[in-house]
């Protein structure tokens, strides 16, 4: 199952829940989500 859960707060890319797993991360301030590419750049 694929369900849209939001967009990346940095680049606007759509983030989906795929089979129970989010293909992104919750931002440190817990106010948004980041795609894996943007999360990797922030580290």
PDB file of N, CA and C in Angstrom:
ATOM      1  N   UNK A   1       0.839  -1.172   0.000  1.00  0.00           N
ATOM      2  CA  UNK A   1       0.000   0.000   0.000  1.00  0.00           C
ATOM      3  C   UNK A   1       0.892   1.246   0.000  1.00  0.00           C
ATOM      4  N   UNK A   2       0.497   2.257  -0.732  1.00  0.00           N
ATOM      5  CA  UNK A   2       1.245   3.501  -0.840  1.00  0.00           C
ATOM      6  C   UNK A   2       0.300   4.649  -0.495  1.00  0.00           C
ATOM      7  N   UNK A   3       0.671   5.421   0.533  1.00  0.00           N
ATOM      8  CA  UNK A   3      -0.186   6.511   0.985  1.00  0.00           C
ATOM      9  C   UNK A   3       0.638   7.776   1.176  1.00  0.00           C
ATOM     10  N   UNK A   4       0.194   8.869   0.580  1.00  0.00           N
ATOM     11  CA  UNK A   4       0.871  10.156   0.731  1.00  0.00           C
ATOM     12  C   UNK A   4       0.701  10.641   2.169  1.00  0.00           C
ATOM     13  N   UNK A   5       1.811  10.972   2.831  1.00  0.00           N
ATOM     14  CA  UNK A   5       1.747  11.448   4.216  1.00  0.00           C
ATOM     15  C   UNK A   5       2.184  12.902   4.353  1.00  0.00           C
ATOM     16  N   UNK A   6       2.778  13.477   3.334  1.00  0.00           N
ATOM     17  CA  UNK A   6       3.192  14.873   3.394  1.00  0.00           C
ATOM     18  C   UNK A   6       4.244  15.194   2.358  1.00  0.00           C
ATOM     19  N   UNK A   7       4.860  16.355   2.519  1.00  0.00           N
ATOM     20  CA  UNK A   7       5.913  16.775   1.606  1.00  0.00           C
ATOM     21  C   UNK A   7       7.145  17.157   2.411  1.00  0.00           C
ATOM     22  N   UNK A   8       8.282  17.087   1.753  1.00  0.00           N
ATOM     23  CA  UNK A   8       9.543  17.472   2.373  1.00  0.00           C
ATOM     24  C   UNK A   8       9.510  18.976   2.646  1.00  0.00           C
ATOM     25  N   UNK A   9       9.828  19.358   3.870  1.00  0.00           N
ATOM     26  CA  UNK A   9       9.785  20.778   4.221  1.00  0.00           C
ATOM     27  C   UNK A   9      10.938  21.563   3.597  1.00  0.00           C
ATOM     28  N   UNK A  10      11.951  20.874   3.069  1.00  0.00           N
ATOM     29  CA  UNK A  10      13.084  21.552   2.449  1.00  0.00           C
ATOM     30  C   UNK A  10      12.926  21.690   0.932  1.00  0.00           C
ATOM     31  N   UNK A  11      12.548  20.601   0.248  1.00  0.00           N
ATOM     32  CA  UNK A  11      12.504  20.639  -1.216  1.00  0.00           C
ATOM     33  C   UNK A  11      11.110  20.461  -1.815  1.00  0.00           C
ATOM     34  N   UNK A  12      10.134  20.047  -1.007  1.00  0.00           N
ATOM     35  CA  UNK A  12       8.770  19.910  -1.498  1.00  0.00           C
ATOM     36  C   UNK A  12       8.447  18.556  -2.111  1.00  0.00           C
ATOM     37  N   UNK A  13       9.388  17.629  -2.091  1.00  0.00           N
ATOM     38  CA  UNK A  13       9.163  16.292  -2.638  1.00  0.00           C
ATOM     39  C   UNK A  13       8.099  15.568  -1.811  1.00  0.00           C
ATOM     40  N   UNK A  14       7.220  14.821  -2.490  1.00  0.00           N
ATOM     41  CA  UNK A  14       6.173  14.090  -1.786  1.00  0.00           C
ATOM     42  C   UNK A  14       6.771  12.926  -1.005  1.00  0.00           C
ATOM     43  N   UNK A  15       6.292  12.727   0.220  1.00  0.00           N
ATOM     44  CA  UNK A  15       6.754  11.642   1.087  1.00  0.00           C
ATOM     45  C   UNK A  15       5.588  10.682   1.287  1.00  0.00           C
ATOM     46  N   UNK A  16       5.852   9.410   1.066  1.00  0.00           N
ATOM     47  CA  UNK A  16       4.820   8.391   1.139  1.00  0.00           C
ATOM     48  C   UNK A  16       5.094   7.402   2.253  1.00  0.00           C
ATOM     49  N   UNK A  17       4.019   6.769   2.719  1.00  0.00           N
ATOM     50  CA  UNK A  17       4.109   5.625   3.609  1.00  0.00           C
ATOM     51  C   UNK A  17       3.987   4.399   2.712  1.00  0.00           C
ATOM     52  N   UNK A  18       5.016   3.563   2.710  1.00  0.00           N
ATOM     53  CA  UNK A  18       5.047   2.380   1.864  1.00  0.00           C
ATOM     54  C   UNK A  18       5.065   1.137   2.735  1.00  0.00           C
ATOM     55  N   UNK A  19       3.962   0.399   2.734  1.00  0.00           N
ATOM     56  CA  UNK A  19       3.863  -0.844   3.510  1.00  0.00           C
ATOM     57  C   UNK A  19       4.205  -0.624   4.979  1.00  0.00           C
ATOM     58  N   UNK A  20       3.801   0.526   5.530  1.00  0.00           N
ATOM     59  CA  UNK A  20       4.019   0.804   6.944  1.00  0.00           C
ATOM     60  C   UNK A  20       5.290   1.556   7.273  1.00  0.00           C
ATOM     61  N   UNK A  21       6.101   1.887   6.270  1.00  0.00           N
ATOM     62  CA  UNK A  21       7.355   2.603   6.503  1.00  0.00           C
ATOM     63  C   UNK A  21       7.341   3.923   5.738  1.00  0.00           C
ATOM     64  N   UNK A  22       7.705   5.012   6.400  1.00  0.00           N
ATOM     65  CA  UNK A  22       7.748   6.330   5.770  1.00  0.00           C
ATOM     66  C   UNK A  22       9.058   6.459   5.010  1.00  0.00           C
ATOM     67  N   UNK A  23       8.985   6.912   3.748  1.00  0.00           N
ATOM     68  CA  UNK A  23      10.208   7.072   2.959  1.00  0.00           C
ATOM     69  C   UNK A  23      10.803   8.463   3.162  1.00  0.00           C
ATOM     70  N   UNK A  24      11.004   8.807   4.429  1.00  0.00           N
ATOM     71  CA  UNK A  24      11.593  10.070   4.834  1.00  0.00           C
ATOM     72  C   UNK A  24      11.815  10.033   6.331  1.00  0.00           C
ATOM     73  N   UNK A  25      12.146  11.178   6.907  1.00  0.00           N
ATOM     74  CA  UNK A  25      12.372  11.260   8.353  1.00  0.00           C
ATOM     75  C   UNK A  25      11.648  12.479   8.911  1.00  0.00           C
ATOM     76  N   UNK A  26      11.265  12.395  10.171  1.00  0.00           N
ATOM     77  CA  UNK A  26      10.660  13.536  10.855  1.00  0.00           C
ATOM     78  C   UNK A  26      11.796  14.487  11.211  1.00  0.00           C
ATOM     79  N   UNK A  27      11.601  15.768  10.944  1.00  0.00           N
ATOM     80  CA  UNK A  27      12.655  16.745  11.230  1.00  0.00           C
ATOM     81  C   UNK A  27      12.900  16.842  12.726  1.00  0.00           C
ATOM     82  N   UNK A  28      14.065  17.348  13.095  1.00  0.00           N
ATOM     83  CA  UNK A  28      14.469  17.436  14.501  1.00  0.00           C
ATOM     84  C   UNK A  28      13.499  18.259  15.340  1.00  0.00           C
ATOM     85  N   UNK A  29      12.886  19.282  14.750  1.00  0.00           N
ATOM     86  CA  UNK A  29      11.962  20.121  15.513  1.00  0.00           C
ATOM     87  C   UNK A  29      10.553  19.527  15.569  1.00  0.00           C
ATOM     88  N   UNK A  30      10.359  18.365  14.955  1.00  0.00           N
ATOM     89  CA  UNK A  30       9.088  17.631  14.961  1.00  0.00           C
ATOM     90  C   UNK A  30       7.939  18.411  14.307  1.00  0.00           C
ATOM     91  N   UNK A  31       8.278  19.414  13.487  1.00  0.00           N
ATOM     92  CA  UNK A  31       7.252  20.220  12.836  1.00  0.00           C
ATOM     93  C   UNK A  31       7.113  19.909  11.351  1.00  0.00           C
ATOM     94  N   UNK A  32       7.878  18.969  10.862  1.00  0.00           N
ATOM     95  CA  UNK A  32       7.810  18.640   9.452  1.00  0.00           C
ATOM     96  C   UNK A  32       8.576  17.371   9.159  1.00  0.00           C
ATOM     97  N   UNK A  33       8.652  17.043   7.881  1.00  0.00           N
ATOM     98  CA  UNK A  33       9.374  15.855   7.446  1.00  0.00           C
ATOM     99  C   UNK A  33      10.374  16.237   6.386  1.00  0.00           C
ATOM    100  N   UNK A  34      11.414  15.413   6.254  1.00  0.00           N
ATOM    101  CA  UNK A  34      12.438  15.600   5.238  1.00  0.00           C
ATOM    102  C   UNK A  34      12.549  14.315   4.431  1.00  0.00           C
ATOM    103  N   UNK A  35      12.754  14.452   3.114  1.00  0.00           N
ATOM    104  CA  UNK A  35      13.038  13.274   2.310  1.00  0.00           C
ATOM    105  C   UNK A  35      14.434  12.783   2.682  1.00  0.00           C
ATOM    106  N   UNK A  36      14.769  11.562   2.305  1.00  0.00           N
ATOM    107  CA  UNK A  36      16.069  11.012   2.689  1.00  0.00           C
ATOM    108  C   UNK A  36      17.219  11.846   2.129  1.00  0.00           C
ATOM    109  N   UNK A  37      17.084  12.400   0.923  1.00  0.00           N
ATOM    110  CA  UNK A  37      18.147  13.210   0.330  1.00  0.00           C
ATOM    111  C   UNK A  37      18.426  14.459   1.159  1.00  0.00           C
ATOM    112  N   UNK A  38      17.374  15.179   1.547  1.00  0.00           N
ATOM    113  CA  UNK A  38      17.551  16.400   2.345  1.00  0.00           C
ATOM    114  C   UNK A  38      18.027  16.070   3.752  1.00  0.00           C
ATOM    115  N   UNK A  39      17.558  14.984   4.329  1.00  0.00           N
ATOM    116  CA  UNK A  39      18.001  14.590   5.667  1.00  0.00           C
ATOM    117  C   UNK A  39      19.484  14.268   5.659  1.00  0.00           C
ATOM    118  N   UNK A  40      19.945  13.625   4.590  1.00  0.00           N
ATOM    119  CA  UNK A  40      21.369  13.285   4.479  1.00  0.00           C
ATOM    120  C   UNK A  40      22.224  14.533   4.363  1.00  0.00           C
ATOM    121  N   UNK A  41      21.733  15.549   3.626  1.00  0.00           N
ATOM    122  CA  UNK A  41      22.474  16.800   3.468  1.00  0.00           C
ATOM    123  C   UNK A  41      22.579  17.547   4.792  1.00  0.00           C
ATOM    124  N   UNK A  42      21.569  17.420   5.662  1.00  0.00           N
ATOM    125  CA  UNK A  42      21.550  18.141   6.942  1.00  0.00           C
ATOM    126  C   UNK A  42      22.479  17.531   7.977  1.00  0.00           C
ATOM    127  N   UNK A  43      22.948  16.319   7.760  1.00  0.00           N
ATOM    128  CA  UNK A  43      23.803  15.664   8.761  1.00  0.00           C
ATOM    129  C   UNK A  43      25.218  16.137   8.695  1.00  0.00           C
TER     130      UNK A  43
END
